[in-house]
Amino acid sequence: MTQQEFRSGFVSFVGRPNAGKSTLTNALVGTKVAITSDKPQTTRTVVKGIVHREDGQLVLVDTPGLHRPRTLLGERLNDLVEATWTEVDVVAMCFPANERIGPGDKHIAANLAKLKKGIKRVAVATKTDLAGPERIGEHLLDIQRLGADLGIEWAEIVPVSVQAGDQVDLLADLLLGLLPEGPPLYPEGDLTDSPDEILVAELIREAALDGVRDELPHSIAVVVEEMGLREGRDEDRPLVDIHANLYVERDSQKGIVIGHKGARLKDVGKRARLQIAELLGTPVYLDLHVKVAKDWQRDPRQLRKLGF
């Protein structure tokens, strides 16, 4: 295949929190590069997932969900999303098929309408397995109308379901067709450009988010303090030592994360360790501690310390 026939570029998935962006990214890449949760605003970093094909390379940029910010962290995440939009070839906006288009969707779409003309816009109706055919039909018409009202010319409107495996491959084909011709941007075999420490911290946070109260998820941050192969082990018996801190905003939250006699933290460690071992392809020793960083979401100094 000649270089002229090969396409490559960046596609940013955007939308409200919990619109299915991370799930879609993982499905297209074929492995987990972004954490998922039923809690909104799970994604806090810009994750690049890389799809390698014979005819091209799709670099998927999974961004935090745009929302009305209540904290300094929320403002910074929104700024991160909007800065990312200006640097990609295609912006794909996700509209969950099981929810009506609301003010949040309209606000994001209005910002999409202001992007420079060279950036193509795609609408993705996600979670179609949660809606019937009639509802999906209405949803697609609503998306089309929203675009017309705002002067957005959707390059494609695609209904997909990751859970049912419907039209995910078609979406990849359509997105690739919208990219410019050019050589691969990342080496063969790379699935993400996120450092292992960031992926490990995210997997720990995903395990910690599972089953906690609604008000707690946004208050949890994870920092990997140390990570490396344990010295003195035989080459055929490697072990990765990971020391990480989970940060919460108040003492009362610390108790929730640790649980009765440490049971909850132990369970978080067990589930995170299995996922991390699968990611790294090596057995893992995971040492977790819970610390309080008072009101870190609103404190610029604490945000810097936690990597935001």
Protein backbone atom coordinates (compact mmCIF):
# COMPACT_ATOMS: atom_id res chain seq x y z
CA MET A 1 0.00 0.00 0.00
CA THR A 2 1.45 3.37 -0.96
CA GLN A 3 1.82 6.17 1.56
CA GLN A 4 -0.73 8.23 -0.42
CA GLU A 5 -3.46 5.67 0.36
CA PHE A 6 -2.67 5.61 4.07
CA ARG A 7 -4.62 8.00 6.33
CA SER A 8 -3.76 9.15 9.83
CA GLY A 9 -4.92 11.79 12.26
CA PHE A 10 -6.58 12.74 15.52
CA VAL A 11 -10.23 12.27 16.49
CA SER A 12 -11.57 13.78 19.72
CA PHE A 13 -14.61 12.24 21.43
CA VAL A 14 -16.60 14.91 23.29
CA GLY A 15 -19.93 15.08 25.06
CA ARG A 16 -21.58 15.35 28.42
CA PRO A 17 -20.23 13.27 31.32
CA ASN A 18 -21.19 9.59 31.04
CA ALA A 19 -22.04 9.81 27.33
CA GLY A 20 -20.02 6.68 26.53
CA LYS A 21 -16.80 8.32 25.28
CA SER A 22 -14.33 6.15 27.22
CA THR A 23 -16.23 2.93 26.48
CA LEU A 24 -16.18 3.78 22.78
CA THR A 25 -12.46 4.59 22.87
CA ASN A 26 -11.65 1.24 24.50
CA ALA A 27 -13.84 -0.65 22.01
CA LEU A 28 -12.18 0.92 18.98
CA VAL A 29 -8.65 0.42 20.34
CA GLY A 30 -9.51 -3.17 21.32
CA THR A 31 -8.13 -2.90 24.84
CA LYS A 32 -8.59 -0.76 27.93
CA VAL A 33 -6.81 2.59 27.68
CA ALA A 34 -9.45 4.74 29.42
CA ILE A 35 -11.23 3.97 32.69
CA THR A 36 -14.99 3.66 32.69
CA SER A 37 -17.54 4.06 35.46
CA ASP A 38 -21.23 4.66 35.89
CA LYS A 39 -20.21 7.77 37.84
CA PRO A 40 -20.22 10.94 35.71
CA GLN A 41 -17.00 12.90 35.12
CA THR A 42 -14.79 9.84 35.50
CA THR A 43 -12.22 10.86 32.87
CA ARG A 44 -9.82 13.55 34.13
CA THR A 45 -7.01 13.36 31.61
CA VAL A 46 -6.73 13.45 27.85
CA VAL A 47 -6.15 9.82 26.89
CA LYS A 48 -4.92 8.94 23.43
CA GLY A 49 -5.93 5.50 22.17
CA ILE A 50 -4.28 4.34 18.95
CA VAL A 51 -6.07 2.18 16.37
CA HIS A 52 -3.71 0.47 13.89
CA ARG A 53 -5.11 -0.65 10.53
CA GLU A 54 -3.64 -1.59 7.17
CA ASP A 55 -5.21 1.48 5.57
CA GLY A 56 -4.53 3.99 8.33
CA GLN A 57 -4.01 4.98 11.94
CA LEU A 58 -6.72 6.53 14.09
CA VAL A 59 -5.53 8.41 17.16
CA LEU A 60 -8.54 8.72 19.46
CA VAL A 61 -8.48 11.49 22.03
CA ASP A 62 -10.84 10.70 24.93
CA THR A 63 -11.53 13.89 26.88
CA PRO A 64 -13.29 14.64 30.19
CA GLY A 65 -17.02 15.32 29.88
CA LEU A 66 -17.88 19.00 29.56
CA HIS A 67 -20.03 20.17 32.45
CA ARG A 68 -20.97 23.26 34.43
CA PRO A 69 -17.91 23.54 36.70
CA ARG A 70 -18.37 23.93 40.46
CA THR A 71 -14.68 23.79 41.37
CA LEU A 72 -11.30 24.96 40.08
CA LEU A 73 -10.67 21.35 38.98
CA GLY A 74 -13.88 21.45 36.91
CA GLU A 75 -12.80 24.70 35.23
CA ARG A 76 -9.39 23.24 34.38
CA LEU A 77 -10.93 20.07 32.92
CA ASN A 78 -13.26 22.12 30.71
CA ASP A 79 -10.30 24.25 29.53
CA LEU A 80 -8.41 21.04 28.73
CA VAL A 81 -11.28 19.74 26.59
CA GLU A 82 -11.73 22.96 24.63
CA ALA A 83 -7.98 23.29 24.01
CA THR A 84 -7.92 19.70 22.69
CA TRP A 85 -10.69 20.40 20.16
CA THR A 86 -8.56 22.93 18.31
CA GLU A 87 -5.74 20.42 17.70
CA VAL A 88 -7.60 17.52 16.07
CA ASP A 89 -8.83 16.64 12.58
CA VAL A 90 -12.29 15.38 13.62
CA VAL A 91 -14.49 16.06 16.64
CA ALA A 92 -17.02 13.29 17.32
CA MET A 93 -19.80 14.32 19.70
CA CYS A 94 -21.50 11.54 21.65
CA PHE A 95 -25.26 11.69 22.31
CA PRO A 96 -26.59 8.79 24.45
CA ALA A 97 -29.63 7.31 22.67
CA ASN A 98 -31.37 6.55 25.98
CA GLU A 99 -31.44 10.25 26.96
CA ARG A 100 -33.09 13.28 25.38
CA ILE A 101 -30.86 16.04 24.01
CA GLY A 102 -30.64 18.61 26.81
CA PRO A 103 -29.11 22.01 27.61
CA GLY A 104 -25.70 20.46 28.26
CA ASP A 105 -25.63 18.91 24.77
CA LYS A 106 -26.75 22.19 23.19
CA HIS A 107 -24.02 24.12 25.02
CA ILE A 108 -21.30 21.74 23.79
CA ALA A 109 -22.69 21.69 20.25
CA ALA A 110 -22.77 25.51 20.21
CA ASN A 111 -19.04 25.49 20.99
CA LEU A 112 -18.48 22.93 18.22
CA ALA A 113 -20.18 25.29 15.79
CA LYS A 114 -17.46 27.90 16.50
CA LEU A 115 -14.54 25.62 15.57
CA LYS A 116 -12.54 26.45 12.45
CA LYS A 117 -13.99 25.06 9.22
CA GLY A 118 -11.17 22.58 8.61
CA ILE A 119 -12.20 20.47 11.62
CA LYS A 120 -14.85 17.92 10.64
CA ARG A 121 -17.74 17.19 12.99
CA VAL A 122 -19.36 13.80 13.50
CA ALA A 123 -22.37 12.90 15.69
CA VAL A 124 -22.40 9.50 17.41
CA ALA A 125 -25.63 8.20 18.93
CA THR A 126 -24.21 5.96 21.68
CA LYS A 127 -25.84 3.26 23.84
CA THR A 128 -28.40 2.27 21.19
CA ASP A 129 -28.84 -1.06 23.00
CA LEU A 130 -30.72 0.91 25.69
CA ALA A 131 -33.31 2.33 23.26
CA GLY A 132 -35.88 0.88 20.86
CA PRO A 133 -35.86 1.46 17.08
CA GLU A 134 -38.49 4.22 17.25
CA ARG A 135 -36.60 6.10 19.97
CA ILE A 136 -33.33 5.76 18.03
CA GLY A 137 -35.02 7.17 14.92
CA GLU A 138 -36.31 10.17 16.90
CA HIS A 139 -32.88 10.65 18.44
CA LEU A 140 -31.12 10.75 15.06
CA LEU A 141 -33.64 13.33 13.79
CA ASP A 142 -33.11 15.42 16.95
CA ILE A 143 -29.33 15.36 16.36
CA GLN A 144 -29.82 16.41 12.75
CA ARG A 145 -32.13 19.27 13.83
CA LEU A 146 -29.67 20.43 16.49
CA GLY A 147 -26.95 20.64 13.85
CA ALA A 148 -29.21 22.56 11.47
CA ASP A 149 -30.23 25.03 14.22
CA LEU A 150 -26.59 25.76 15.08
CA GLY A 151 -25.21 25.74 11.53
CA ILE A 152 -23.24 22.51 12.07
CA GLU A 153 -22.87 20.31 9.02
CA TRP A 154 -22.43 16.80 10.45
CA ALA A 155 -20.04 14.82 8.23
CA GLU A 156 -21.72 11.68 9.58
CA ILE A 157 -24.46 10.76 12.08
CA VAL A 158 -23.79 7.22 13.31
CA PRO A 159 -25.79 5.11 15.82
CA VAL A 160 -23.58 2.63 17.72
CA SER A 161 -23.71 0.23 20.65
CA VAL A 162 -20.48 -1.00 22.18
CA GLN A 163 -22.36 -3.48 24.40
CA ALA A 164 -24.15 -5.07 21.44
CA GLY A 165 -21.19 -4.59 19.08
CA ASP A 166 -23.37 -2.67 16.62
CA GLN A 167 -21.64 -0.46 14.04
CA VAL A 168 -18.42 0.08 16.00
CA ASP A 169 -16.35 -1.10 12.99
CA LEU A 170 -18.45 1.09 10.69
CA LEU A 171 -17.70 4.10 12.89
CA ALA A 172 -13.96 3.35 12.64
CA ASP A 173 -14.24 3.16 8.83
CA LEU A 174 -16.12 6.47 8.63
CA LEU A 175 -13.73 8.29 10.98
CA LEU A 176 -10.68 7.04 9.10
CA GLY A 177 -12.20 8.21 5.81
CA LEU A 178 -12.39 11.76 7.20
CA LEU A 179 -8.68 11.90 8.09
CA PRO A 180 -5.98 13.37 5.84
CA GLU A 181 -3.57 11.18 3.92
CA GLY A 182 -0.27 10.74 5.72
CA PRO A 183 2.12 8.31 7.42
CA PRO A 184 1.54 6.64 10.82
CA LEU A 185 1.90 9.01 13.77
CA TYR A 186 2.82 6.32 16.33
CA PRO A 187 4.91 3.11 16.06
CA GLU A 188 3.15 -0.18 15.32
CA GLY A 189 2.09 -1.84 18.58
CA ASP A 190 1.61 1.37 20.61
CA LEU A 191 -1.96 1.46 21.93
CA THR A 192 -1.73 4.67 23.97
CA ASP A 193 0.75 7.46 24.66
CA SER A 194 -0.14 7.63 28.36
CA PRO A 195 2.78 6.69 30.66
CA ASP A 196 2.33 3.46 32.65
CA GLU A 197 2.20 5.44 35.92
CA ILE A 198 -0.82 7.41 34.68
CA LEU A 199 -2.62 4.27 33.48
CA VAL A 200 -1.90 2.52 36.80
CA ALA A 201 -3.21 5.50 38.80
CA GLU A 202 -6.37 5.52 36.68
CA LEU A 203 -6.98 1.80 37.20
CA ILE A 204 -6.64 2.26 40.97
CA ARG A 205 -9.10 5.18 40.82
CA GLU A 206 -11.54 3.10 38.77
CA ALA A 207 -11.48 0.36 41.43
CA ALA A 208 -11.92 2.97 44.17
CA LEU A 209 -14.92 4.54 42.38
CA ASP A 210 -16.84 1.28 42.23
CA GLY A 211 -19.62 1.28 44.80
CA VAL A 212 -18.85 4.58 46.55
CA ARG A 213 -21.47 7.21 47.32
CA ASP A 214 -22.42 9.74 44.67
CA GLU A 215 -20.68 12.68 46.36
CA LEU A 216 -17.36 10.90 46.81
CA PRO A 217 -16.07 10.09 43.27
CA HIS A 218 -15.00 13.64 42.42
CA SER A 219 -13.07 13.84 45.70
CA ILE A 220 -10.80 10.86 44.91
CA ALA A 221 -7.42 11.41 43.26
CA VAL A 222 -4.62 8.86 42.90
CA VAL A 223 -0.88 9.47 42.63
CA VAL A 224 1.66 6.70 41.98
CA GLU A 225 4.63 7.65 44.17
CA GLU A 226 6.98 4.80 43.20
CA MET A 227 6.88 2.06 40.61
CA GLY A 228 9.55 -0.35 39.41
CA LEU A 229 10.78 -3.93 39.13
CA ARG A 230 11.77 -5.45 42.46
CA GLU A 231 15.53 -5.96 42.64
CA GLY A 232 17.09 -9.36 43.30
CA ARG A 233 14.37 -11.38 41.54
CA ASP A 234 15.11 -14.00 38.89
CA GLU A 235 14.39 -12.81 35.34
CA ASP A 236 11.71 -15.45 34.90
CA ARG A 237 9.96 -14.34 38.13
CA PRO A 238 9.63 -10.53 37.80
CA LEU A 239 7.51 -8.51 40.25
CA VAL A 240 6.55 -4.85 39.92
CA ASP A 241 6.35 -2.88 43.17
CA ILE A 242 3.83 -0.03 43.13
CA HIS A 243 3.34 2.43 45.98
CA ALA A 244 0.36 4.76 45.50
CA ASN A 245 -1.65 7.25 47.53
CA LEU A 246 -5.39 7.80 47.26
CA TYR A 247 -6.27 11.37 48.17
CA VAL A 248 -9.66 12.50 49.50
CA GLU A 249 -10.80 15.93 50.70
CA ARG A 250 -12.03 15.19 54.24
CA ASP A 251 -11.35 12.82 57.13
CA SER A 252 -14.90 11.41 56.89
CA GLN A 253 -14.21 10.40 53.26
CA LYS A 254 -11.02 8.66 54.31
CA GLY A 255 -13.06 6.32 56.50
CA ILE A 256 -15.43 5.51 53.62
CA VAL A 257 -12.57 4.60 51.26
CA ILE A 258 -10.77 2.46 53.86
CA GLY A 259 -13.96 0.75 55.06
CA HIS A 260 -14.58 -1.29 58.20
CA LYS A 261 -11.24 -2.66 59.45
CA GLY A 262 -9.69 -1.77 56.07
CA ALA A 263 -11.94 -4.18 54.14
CA ARG A 264 -12.90 -1.75 51.38
CA LEU A 265 -9.34 -0.57 50.67
CA LYS A 266 -8.20 -4.19 50.59
CA ASP A 267 -10.89 -4.98 48.00
CA VAL A 268 -9.89 -1.92 45.93
CA GLY A 269 -6.27 -3.10 46.00
CA LYS A 270 -7.18 -6.63 44.97
CA ARG A 271 -9.28 -5.54 41.97
CA ALA A 272 -6.81 -2.86 40.87
CA ARG A 273 -3.87 -5.28 41.17
CA LEU A 274 -5.49 -7.77 38.78
CA GLN A 275 -6.13 -5.07 36.17
CA ILE A 276 -2.62 -3.59 36.54
CA ALA A 277 -0.99 -7.02 36.21
CA GLU A 278 -2.96 -7.56 32.99
CA LEU A 279 -1.89 -4.12 31.70
CA LEU A 280 1.82 -4.61 32.50
CA GLY A 281 1.97 -8.34 31.79
CA THR A 282 3.79 -8.85 35.11
CA PRO A 283 2.75 -9.84 38.65
CA VAL A 284 2.28 -6.78 40.87
CA TYR A 285 2.74 -5.89 44.54
CA LEU A 286 0.44 -2.95 45.22
CA ASP A 287 0.81 -0.82 48.36
CA LEU A 288 -2.07 1.65 48.85
CA HIS A 289 -2.46 4.43 51.43
CA VAL A 290 -5.31 6.91 51.86
CA LYS A 291 -4.45 10.55 52.65
CA VAL A 292 -6.42 13.75 53.13
CA ALA A 293 -5.66 16.76 50.90
CA LYS A 294 -8.18 19.24 52.26
CA ASP A 295 -10.49 20.69 49.56
CA TRP A 296 -7.95 19.81 46.86
CA GLN A 297 -10.42 20.42 44.01
CA ARG A 298 -10.51 24.13 44.90
CA ASP A 299 -6.87 24.66 45.97
CA PRO A 300 -4.43 25.62 43.15
CA ARG A 301 -1.42 24.38 45.16
CA GLN A 302 -3.00 21.00 45.85
CA LEU A 303 -4.14 20.68 42.22
CA ARG A 304 -0.57 21.20 41.03
CA LYS A 305 0.69 18.59 43.51
CA LEU A 306 -1.89 16.07 42.23
CA GLY A 307 -0.99 16.74 38.59
CA PHE A 308 -3.85 18.97 37.42
